């Protein structure tokens, strides 16, 4: 199983980015039944949960991104997205895609994509 993120980059404060995570080597039923999330790790800080979506579509967000970020998934394409609006310099971090498979009892991480927000 491999998770590959894309969509990161450099953006000015107030701008938007859309991160995408593609899962390969994972059958559709396992993808659909997995909890999916995005984490962020800023320099010198611990990796923190940004947004999570459960198999039934329930979402959960860090307080710092509520109202600005939206997590979604496309089960048929085996992709997870993070729409990031009204970006702030403090959103600068490496963003990681994460999946937790109930079927296999295994967690998966992507390699991360850098998001840099300039003031």
C-alpha atoms as a PDB file:
ATOM      1  CA  UNK A   1       0.000   0.000   0.000  1.00  0.00           C
ATOM      2  CA  UNK A   2       1.270   3.437  -0.872  1.00  0.00           C
ATOM      3  CA  UNK A   3      -0.182   6.863  -0.158  1.00  0.00           C
ATOM      4  CA  UNK A   4       1.030   9.668  -2.388  1.00  0.00           C
ATOM      5  CA  UNK A   5       0.238  13.286  -1.605  1.00  0.00           C
ATOM      6  CA  UNK A   6       0.245  16.131  -4.075  1.00  0.00           C
ATOM      7  CA  UNK A   7      -0.919  19.722  -4.277  1.00  0.00           C
ATOM      8  CA  UNK A   8       1.401  21.394  -1.820  1.00  0.00           C
ATOM      9  CA  UNK A   9       3.349  24.533  -2.632  1.00  0.00           C
ATOM     10  CA  UNK A  10       3.953  28.169  -1.845  1.00  0.00           C
ATOM     11  CA  UNK A  11       0.970  30.471  -1.480  1.00  0.00           C
ATOM     12  CA  UNK A  12       0.356  33.927  -0.085  1.00  0.00           C
ATOM     13  CA  UNK A  13      -1.664  34.438   3.060  1.00  0.00           C
ATOM     14  CA  UNK A  14      -5.363  34.379   2.262  1.00  0.00           C
ATOM     15  CA  UNK A  15      -4.856  32.019  -0.638  1.00  0.00           C
ATOM     16  CA  UNK A  16      -6.031  28.458  -1.182  1.00  0.00           C
ATOM     17  CA  UNK A  17      -4.553  25.065  -1.892  1.00  0.00           C
ATOM     18  CA  UNK A  18      -6.082  21.654  -2.464  1.00  0.00           C
ATOM     19  CA  UNK A  19      -4.114  18.657  -1.285  1.00  0.00           C
ATOM     20  CA  UNK A  20      -4.772  15.256  -2.773  1.00  0.00           C
ATOM     21  CA  UNK A  21      -3.818  11.805  -1.511  1.00  0.00           C
ATOM     22  CA  UNK A  22      -3.964   8.791  -3.805  1.00  0.00           C
ATOM     23  CA  UNK A  23      -3.986   5.288  -2.376  1.00  0.00           C
ATOM     24  CA  UNK A  24      -2.453   2.541  -4.470  1.00  0.00           C
ATOM     25  CA  UNK A  25      -2.221  -1.151  -3.740  1.00  0.00           C
ATOM     26  CA  UNK A  26      -5.353  -0.963  -1.607  1.00  0.00           C
ATOM     27  CA  UNK A  27      -8.571  -2.655  -2.653  1.00  0.00           C
ATOM     28  CA  UNK A  28     -11.655  -0.493  -2.766  1.00  0.00           C
ATOM     29  CA  UNK A  29     -13.439  -2.116   0.167  1.00  0.00           C
ATOM     30  CA  UNK A  30     -10.450  -1.593   2.431  1.00  0.00           C
ATOM     31  CA  UNK A  31     -10.148   2.031   1.337  1.00  0.00           C
ATOM     32  CA  UNK A  32     -13.844   2.670   1.904  1.00  0.00           C
ATOM     33  CA  UNK A  33     -13.767   1.181   5.390  1.00  0.00           C
ATOM     34  CA  UNK A  34     -10.684   3.093   6.492  1.00  0.00           C
ATOM     35  CA  UNK A  35     -10.595   6.233   8.576  1.00  0.00           C
ATOM     36  CA  UNK A  36      -8.682   8.896   6.673  1.00  0.00           C
ATOM     37  CA  UNK A  37      -6.962  11.993   7.942  1.00  0.00           C
ATOM     38  CA  UNK A  38      -4.522  14.773   7.274  1.00  0.00           C
ATOM     39  CA  UNK A  39      -1.803  15.640   9.755  1.00  0.00           C
ATOM     40  CA  UNK A  40       0.574  18.597   9.760  1.00  0.00           C
ATOM     41  CA  UNK A  41       4.070  18.898  11.151  1.00  0.00           C
ATOM     42  CA  UNK A  42       5.590  22.347  11.436  1.00  0.00           C
ATOM     43  CA  UNK A  43       9.334  22.784  11.959  1.00  0.00           C
ATOM     44  CA  UNK A  44      10.311  21.887  15.499  1.00  0.00           C
ATOM     45  CA  UNK A  45       6.814  20.723  16.387  1.00  0.00           C
ATOM     46  CA  UNK A  46       5.021  17.422  16.757  1.00  0.00           C
ATOM     47  CA  UNK A  47       2.805  16.041  14.036  1.00  0.00           C
ATOM     48  CA  UNK A  48      -0.773  17.093  14.738  1.00  0.00           C
ATOM     49  CA  UNK A  49      -4.164  16.074  13.435  1.00  0.00           C
ATOM     50  CA  UNK A  50      -5.660  18.631  11.065  1.00  0.00           C
ATOM     51  CA  UNK A  51      -8.767  16.868   9.772  1.00  0.00           C
ATOM     52  CA  UNK A  52     -10.300  13.401   9.856  1.00  0.00           C
ATOM     53  CA  UNK A  53     -13.108  11.657   7.997  1.00  0.00           C
ATOM     54  CA  UNK A  54     -14.598   8.353   9.086  1.00  0.00           C
ATOM     55  CA  UNK A  55     -16.040   5.664   6.798  1.00  0.00           C
ATOM     56  CA  UNK A  56     -19.562   6.981   7.387  1.00  0.00           C
ATOM     57  CA  UNK A  57     -18.490  10.483   6.354  1.00  0.00           C
ATOM     58  CA  UNK A  58     -18.273  12.114   9.771  1.00  0.00           C
ATOM     59  CA  UNK A  59     -15.595  14.775   9.942  1.00  0.00           C
ATOM     60  CA  UNK A  60     -13.486  16.259  12.688  1.00  0.00           C
ATOM     61  CA  UNK A  61     -11.194  19.279  12.515  1.00  0.00           C
ATOM     62  CA  UNK A  62      -8.541  20.920  14.613  1.00  0.00           C
ATOM     63  CA  UNK A  63      -9.874  24.134  16.128  1.00  0.00           C
ATOM     64  CA  UNK A  64      -7.269  26.151  14.248  1.00  0.00           C
ATOM     65  CA  UNK A  65      -8.640  25.130  10.841  1.00  0.00           C
ATOM     66  CA  UNK A  66     -12.396  24.927  11.462  1.00  0.00           C
ATOM     67  CA  UNK A  67     -14.290  26.920   8.874  1.00  0.00           C
ATOM     68  CA  UNK A  68     -11.241  27.154   6.602  1.00  0.00           C
ATOM     69  CA  UNK A  69     -10.300  23.555   5.718  1.00  0.00           C
ATOM     70  CA  UNK A  70     -12.512  20.789   4.364  1.00  0.00           C
ATOM     71  CA  UNK A  71     -11.641  17.109   4.160  1.00  0.00           C
ATOM     72  CA  UNK A  72     -13.380  14.902   1.618  1.00  0.00           C
ATOM     73  CA  UNK A  73     -12.889  11.578  -0.068  1.00  0.00           C
ATOM     74  CA  UNK A  74     -13.721   9.896  -3.350  1.00  0.00           C
ATOM     75  CA  UNK A  75     -14.011   6.198  -2.621  1.00  0.00           C
ATOM     76  CA  UNK A  76     -14.330   5.189  -6.269  1.00  0.00           C
ATOM     77  CA  UNK A  77     -11.040   6.896  -7.080  1.00  0.00           C
ATOM     78  CA  UNK A  78      -9.437   5.986  -3.752  1.00  0.00           C
ATOM     79  CA  UNK A  79      -8.486   9.579  -3.061  1.00  0.00           C
ATOM     80  CA  UNK A  80      -8.637  11.875  -0.073  1.00  0.00           C
ATOM     81  CA  UNK A  81      -8.625  15.647  -0.369  1.00  0.00           C
ATOM     82  CA  UNK A  82      -7.957  18.616   1.866  1.00  0.00           C
ATOM     83  CA  UNK A  83      -9.306  21.924   0.626  1.00  0.00           C
ATOM     84  CA  UNK A  84      -7.425  24.693   2.399  1.00  0.00           C
ATOM     85  CA  UNK A  85      -8.844  28.205   2.220  1.00  0.00           C
ATOM     86  CA  UNK A  86      -7.905  31.483   3.882  1.00  0.00           C
ATOM     87  CA  UNK A  87      -4.430  30.147   4.518  1.00  0.00           C
ATOM     88  CA  UNK A  88      -2.313  31.718   7.234  1.00  0.00           C
ATOM     89  CA  UNK A  89       1.468  31.724   7.729  1.00  0.00           C
ATOM     90  CA  UNK A  90       0.948  29.491  10.762  1.00  0.00           C
ATOM     91  CA  UNK A  91      -0.480  26.812   8.464  1.00  0.00           C
ATOM     92  CA  UNK A  92       3.020  26.327   7.073  1.00  0.00           C
ATOM     93  CA  UNK A  93       3.968  22.685   7.593  1.00  0.00           C
ATOM     94  CA  UNK A  94       4.514  19.362   5.931  1.00  0.00           C
ATOM     95  CA  UNK A  95       1.111  17.773   5.466  1.00  0.00           C
ATOM     96  CA  UNK A  96       0.759  14.011   5.672  1.00  0.00           C
ATOM     97  CA  UNK A  97      -2.013  11.758   4.478  1.00  0.00           C
ATOM     98  CA  UNK A  98      -2.987   9.016   6.930  1.00  0.00           C
ATOM     99  CA  UNK A  99      -5.274   5.996   6.763  1.00  0.00           C
ATOM    100  CA  UNK A 100      -6.222   3.504   9.410  1.00  0.00           C
ATOM    101  CA  UNK A 101      -7.441   0.182   8.099  1.00  0.00           C
ATOM    102  CA  UNK A 102      -9.947  -1.609  10.279  1.00  0.00           C
ATOM    103  CA  UNK A 103      -9.673  -4.637   8.018  1.00  0.00           C
ATOM    104  CA  UNK A 104      -5.940  -5.113   8.463  1.00  0.00           C
ATOM    105  CA  UNK A 105      -5.423  -3.282  11.756  1.00  0.00           C
ATOM    106  CA  UNK A 106      -2.699  -1.257  10.068  1.00  0.00           C
ATOM    107  CA  UNK A 107      -1.928   2.424   9.737  1.00  0.00           C
ATOM    108  CA  UNK A 108      -0.532   3.967   6.565  1.00  0.00           C
ATOM    109  CA  UNK A 109       1.283   7.264   6.044  1.00  0.00           C
ATOM    110  CA  UNK A 110       2.178   9.218   2.957  1.00  0.00           C
ATOM    111  CA  UNK A 111       5.560  10.824   2.419  1.00  0.00           C
ATOM    112  CA  UNK A 112       4.246  14.338   3.036  1.00  0.00           C
ATOM    113  CA  UNK A 113       3.828  17.448   0.957  1.00  0.00           C
ATOM    114  CA  UNK A 114       5.175  20.870   1.906  1.00  0.00           C
ATOM    115  CA  UNK A 115       2.779  23.779   2.321  1.00  0.00           C
ATOM    116  CA  UNK A 116       4.339  27.195   2.786  1.00  0.00           C
ATOM    117  CA  UNK A 117       2.225  30.280   3.393  1.00  0.00           C
ATOM    118  CA  UNK A 118       3.960  33.627   3.040  1.00  0.00           C
ATOM    119  CA  UNK A 119       2.783  36.757   4.835  1.00  0.00           C
END
